[in-house]
Amino acid sequence: MFDAAGVSFVSVTQQFNTTTSMGRLTLNVLLSFAQFEREVIADQHLPKVNPTLVALLCKAESARVQLLRMARQRRAI
């Protein structure tokens, strides 16, 4: 991440330095945990879709498509 831009991160208050292999490992572990936490939060907060609602929406969409086809056929006549 930092290597591609030619940048390194050195913490003044902690032993954290991305110029060393241990520092890069620590950074990757922290980034992995951050990504995991974001995904867990997203999974918990995504609305659960009701299967009945999905079926109704599919029926409504197919009815809409059918009405559009009928309207096009009438215009063609």
N, C-alpha and C. Protein backbone atom coordinates (compact mmCIF):
# COMPACT_ATOMS: atom_id res chain seq x y z
N MET A 1 0.83 -1.18 0.00
CA MET A 1 0.00 0.00 0.00
C MET A 1 0.88 1.25 0.00
N PHE A 2 1.72 1.39 0.99
CA PHE A 2 2.59 2.55 1.06
C PHE A 2 3.78 2.40 0.12
N ASP A 3 4.21 1.15 -0.10
CA ASP A 3 5.40 0.92 -0.93
C ASP A 3 5.20 1.41 -2.35
N ALA A 4 4.00 1.23 -2.89
CA ALA A 4 3.73 1.64 -4.27
C ALA A 4 3.90 3.15 -4.44
N ALA A 5 3.59 3.90 -3.40
CA ALA A 5 3.72 5.36 -3.46
C ALA A 5 5.07 5.84 -2.95
N GLY A 6 5.90 4.92 -2.47
CA GLY A 6 7.20 5.31 -1.93
C GLY A 6 7.09 6.01 -0.60
N VAL A 7 6.08 5.65 0.19
CA VAL A 7 5.84 6.29 1.49
C VAL A 7 5.99 5.25 2.59
N SER A 8 6.46 5.69 3.74
CA SER A 8 6.51 4.81 4.91
C SER A 8 5.89 5.54 6.09
N PHE A 9 5.38 4.75 7.05
CA PHE A 9 4.73 5.30 8.22
C PHE A 9 5.53 4.90 9.45
N VAL A 10 5.90 5.87 10.25
CA VAL A 10 6.61 5.61 11.50
C VAL A 10 5.85 6.32 12.60
N SER A 11 5.38 5.57 13.60
CA SER A 11 4.65 6.16 14.71
C SER A 11 5.64 6.72 15.73
N VAL A 12 5.33 7.88 16.24
CA VAL A 12 6.19 8.52 17.22
C VAL A 12 5.90 7.98 18.62
N THR A 13 4.64 7.62 18.89
CA THR A 13 4.25 7.22 20.24
C THR A 13 4.28 5.71 20.45
N GLN A 14 4.32 4.91 19.37
CA GLN A 14 4.32 3.45 19.50
C GLN A 14 5.42 2.86 18.61
N GLN A 15 5.74 1.61 18.86
CA GLN A 15 6.72 0.90 18.03
C GLN A 15 6.02 0.37 16.78
N PHE A 16 5.80 1.25 15.83
CA PHE A 16 5.09 0.89 14.61
C PHE A 16 5.80 1.56 13.45
N ASN A 17 6.35 0.77 12.53
CA ASN A 17 7.18 1.30 11.48
C ASN A 17 6.97 0.44 10.23
N THR A 18 6.42 1.01 9.15
CA THR A 18 6.15 0.21 7.95
C THR A 18 7.37 0.01 7.07
N THR A 19 8.50 0.51 7.49
CA THR A 19 9.71 0.24 6.71
C THR A 19 10.29 -1.13 7.05
N THR A 20 9.82 -1.76 8.13
CA THR A 20 10.29 -3.09 8.51
C THR A 20 9.22 -4.13 8.17
N SER A 21 9.64 -5.38 8.05
CA SER A 21 8.69 -6.45 7.74
C SER A 21 7.67 -6.63 8.87
N MET A 22 8.08 -6.48 10.12
CA MET A 22 7.16 -6.60 11.24
C MET A 22 6.13 -5.47 11.24
N GLY A 23 6.55 -4.28 10.87
CA GLY A 23 5.62 -3.16 10.78
C GLY A 23 4.59 -3.36 9.69
N ARG A 24 5.03 -3.89 8.53
CA ARG A 24 4.10 -4.16 7.44
C ARG A 24 3.12 -5.27 7.83
N LEU A 25 3.60 -6.29 8.55
CA LEU A 25 2.72 -7.35 9.01
C LEU A 25 1.67 -6.80 9.97
N THR A 26 2.10 -5.96 10.90
CA THR A 26 1.18 -5.35 11.86
C THR A 26 0.12 -4.51 11.14
N LEU A 27 0.54 -3.74 10.16
CA LEU A 27 -0.39 -2.92 9.39
C LEU A 27 -1.41 -3.80 8.67
N ASN A 28 -0.95 -4.88 8.04
CA ASN A 28 -1.87 -5.77 7.33
C ASN A 28 -2.85 -6.46 8.28
N VAL A 29 -2.40 -6.85 9.45
CA VAL A 29 -3.30 -7.47 10.44
C VAL A 29 -4.36 -6.46 10.88
N LEU A 30 -3.94 -5.23 11.17
CA LEU A 30 -4.90 -4.20 11.58
C LEU A 30 -5.90 -3.90 10.48
N LEU A 31 -5.44 -3.82 9.23
CA LEU A 31 -6.34 -3.57 8.11
C LEU A 31 -7.31 -4.73 7.91
N SER A 32 -6.85 -5.95 8.13
CA SER A 32 -7.73 -7.12 8.00
C SER A 32 -8.83 -7.10 9.05
N PHE A 33 -8.47 -6.77 10.28
CA PHE A 33 -9.48 -6.68 11.33
C PHE A 33 -10.47 -5.56 11.05
N ALA A 34 -10.00 -4.45 10.51
CA ALA A 34 -10.90 -3.33 10.19
C ALA A 34 -11.89 -3.74 9.10
N GLN A 35 -11.40 -4.45 8.07
CA GLN A 35 -12.28 -4.93 7.01
C GLN A 35 -13.30 -5.93 7.55
N PHE A 36 -12.85 -6.84 8.39
CA PHE A 36 -13.74 -7.82 9.01
C PHE A 36 -14.84 -7.13 9.82
N GLU A 37 -14.47 -6.13 10.60
CA GLU A 37 -15.44 -5.41 11.41
C GLU A 37 -16.47 -4.69 10.54
N ARG A 38 -16.02 -4.08 9.44
CA ARG A 38 -16.96 -3.41 8.53
C ARG A 38 -17.95 -4.40 7.94
N GLU A 39 -17.47 -5.59 7.57
CA GLU A 39 -18.35 -6.58 6.97
C GLU A 39 -19.34 -7.14 7.99
N VAL A 40 -18.91 -7.35 9.23
CA VAL A 40 -19.81 -7.84 10.27
C VAL A 40 -20.91 -6.81 10.54
N ILE A 41 -20.53 -5.55 10.62
CA ILE A 41 -21.52 -4.49 10.86
C ILE A 41 -22.50 -4.43 9.70
N ALA A 42 -22.01 -4.53 8.47
CA ALA A 42 -22.89 -4.48 7.30
C ALA A 42 -23.85 -5.66 7.30
N ASP A 43 -23.36 -6.86 7.65
CA ASP A 43 -24.23 -8.04 7.69
C ASP A 43 -25.32 -7.88 8.73
N GLN A 44 -25.01 -7.26 9.85
CA GLN A 44 -25.99 -7.11 10.92
C GLN A 44 -27.04 -6.07 10.59
N HIS A 45 -26.68 -5.08 9.79
CA HIS A 45 -27.59 -3.97 9.54
C HIS A 45 -28.32 -4.04 8.21
N LEU A 46 -27.96 -5.01 7.36
CA LEU A 46 -28.69 -5.13 6.11
C LEU A 46 -30.10 -5.62 6.40
N PRO A 47 -31.08 -5.01 5.78
CA PRO A 47 -32.45 -5.47 6.02
C PRO A 47 -32.64 -6.86 5.45
N LYS A 48 -33.33 -7.68 6.19
CA LYS A 48 -33.64 -9.02 5.73
C LYS A 48 -34.85 -8.93 4.82
N VAL A 49 -34.73 -9.42 3.62
CA VAL A 49 -35.79 -9.30 2.63
C VAL A 49 -36.81 -10.40 2.85
N ASN A 50 -38.06 -10.00 2.89
CA ASN A 50 -39.17 -10.93 3.07
C ASN A 50 -39.42 -11.66 1.75
N PRO A 51 -39.40 -12.99 1.73
CA PRO A 51 -39.61 -13.74 0.48
C PRO A 51 -40.96 -13.43 -0.18
N THR A 52 -41.99 -13.19 0.62
CA THR A 52 -43.30 -12.87 0.06
C THR A 52 -43.24 -11.54 -0.69
N LEU A 53 -42.53 -10.57 -0.14
CA LEU A 53 -42.38 -9.28 -0.78
C LEU A 53 -41.62 -9.42 -2.10
N VAL A 54 -40.60 -10.24 -2.11
CA VAL A 54 -39.83 -10.47 -3.33
C VAL A 54 -40.73 -11.08 -4.40
N ALA A 55 -41.56 -12.06 -4.02
CA ALA A 55 -42.47 -12.69 -4.97
C ALA A 55 -43.46 -11.67 -5.54
N LEU A 56 -44.00 -10.81 -4.68
CA LEU A 56 -44.94 -9.79 -5.14
C LEU A 56 -44.26 -8.81 -6.10
N LEU A 57 -43.03 -8.42 -5.78
CA LEU A 57 -42.31 -7.49 -6.66
C LEU A 57 -42.02 -8.13 -8.01
N CYS A 58 -41.69 -9.42 -8.01
CA CYS A 58 -41.44 -10.12 -9.27
C CYS A 58 -42.72 -10.19 -10.11
N LYS A 59 -43.85 -10.48 -9.47
CA LYS A 59 -45.12 -10.53 -10.18
C LYS A 59 -45.47 -9.16 -10.74
N ALA A 60 -45.26 -8.12 -9.95
CA ALA A 60 -45.55 -6.76 -10.41
C ALA A 60 -44.67 -6.39 -11.60
N GLU A 61 -43.41 -6.78 -11.55
CA GLU A 61 -42.49 -6.47 -12.65
C GLU A 61 -42.90 -7.22 -13.91
N SER A 62 -43.27 -8.49 -13.78
CA SER A 62 -43.67 -9.23 -14.98
C SER A 62 -44.98 -8.69 -15.53
N ALA A 63 -45.90 -8.23 -14.68
CA ALA A 63 -47.14 -7.62 -15.15
C ALA A 63 -46.84 -6.32 -15.88
N ARG A 64 -45.90 -5.53 -15.37
CA ARG A 64 -45.51 -4.29 -16.02
C ARG A 64 -44.93 -4.55 -17.40
N VAL A 65 -44.07 -5.56 -17.49
CA VAL A 65 -43.46 -5.92 -18.77
C VAL A 65 -44.53 -6.38 -19.75
N GLN A 66 -45.47 -7.16 -19.26
CA GLN A 66 -46.55 -7.65 -20.12
C GLN A 66 -47.41 -6.49 -20.63
N LEU A 67 -47.72 -5.53 -19.78
CA LEU A 67 -48.49 -4.36 -20.21
C LEU A 67 -47.72 -3.54 -21.24
N LEU A 68 -46.43 -3.40 -21.08
CA LEU A 68 -45.63 -2.68 -22.06
C LEU A 68 -45.65 -3.38 -23.41
N ARG A 69 -45.55 -4.70 -23.41
CA ARG A 69 -45.61 -5.47 -24.66
C ARG A 69 -46.95 -5.26 -25.35
N MET A 70 -48.03 -5.31 -24.57
CA MET A 70 -49.37 -5.13 -25.14
C MET A 70 -49.50 -3.73 -25.73
N ALA A 71 -48.98 -2.72 -25.04
CA ALA A 71 -49.05 -1.35 -25.55
C ALA A 71 -48.25 -1.20 -26.83
N ARG A 72 -47.09 -1.82 -26.91
CA ARG A 72 -46.28 -1.76 -28.14
C ARG A 72 -46.99 -2.44 -29.29
N GLN A 73 -47.65 -3.57 -29.01
CA GLN A 73 -48.35 -4.29 -30.07
C GLN A 73 -49.51 -3.45 -30.59
N ARG A 74 -50.20 -2.73 -29.72
CA ARG A 74 -51.32 -1.90 -30.16
C ARG A 74 -50.82 -0.74 -31.02
N ARG A 75 -49.67 -0.18 -30.66
CA ARG A 75 -49.11 0.92 -31.46
C ARG A 75 -48.70 0.44 -32.84
N ALA A 76 -48.22 -0.81 -32.91
CA ALA A 76 -47.77 -1.36 -34.19
C ALA A 76 -48.94 -1.60 -35.14
N ILE A 77 -50.11 -1.79 -34.62
CA ILE A 77 -51.29 -2.10 -35.45
C ILE A 77 -51.81 -0.88 -36.12
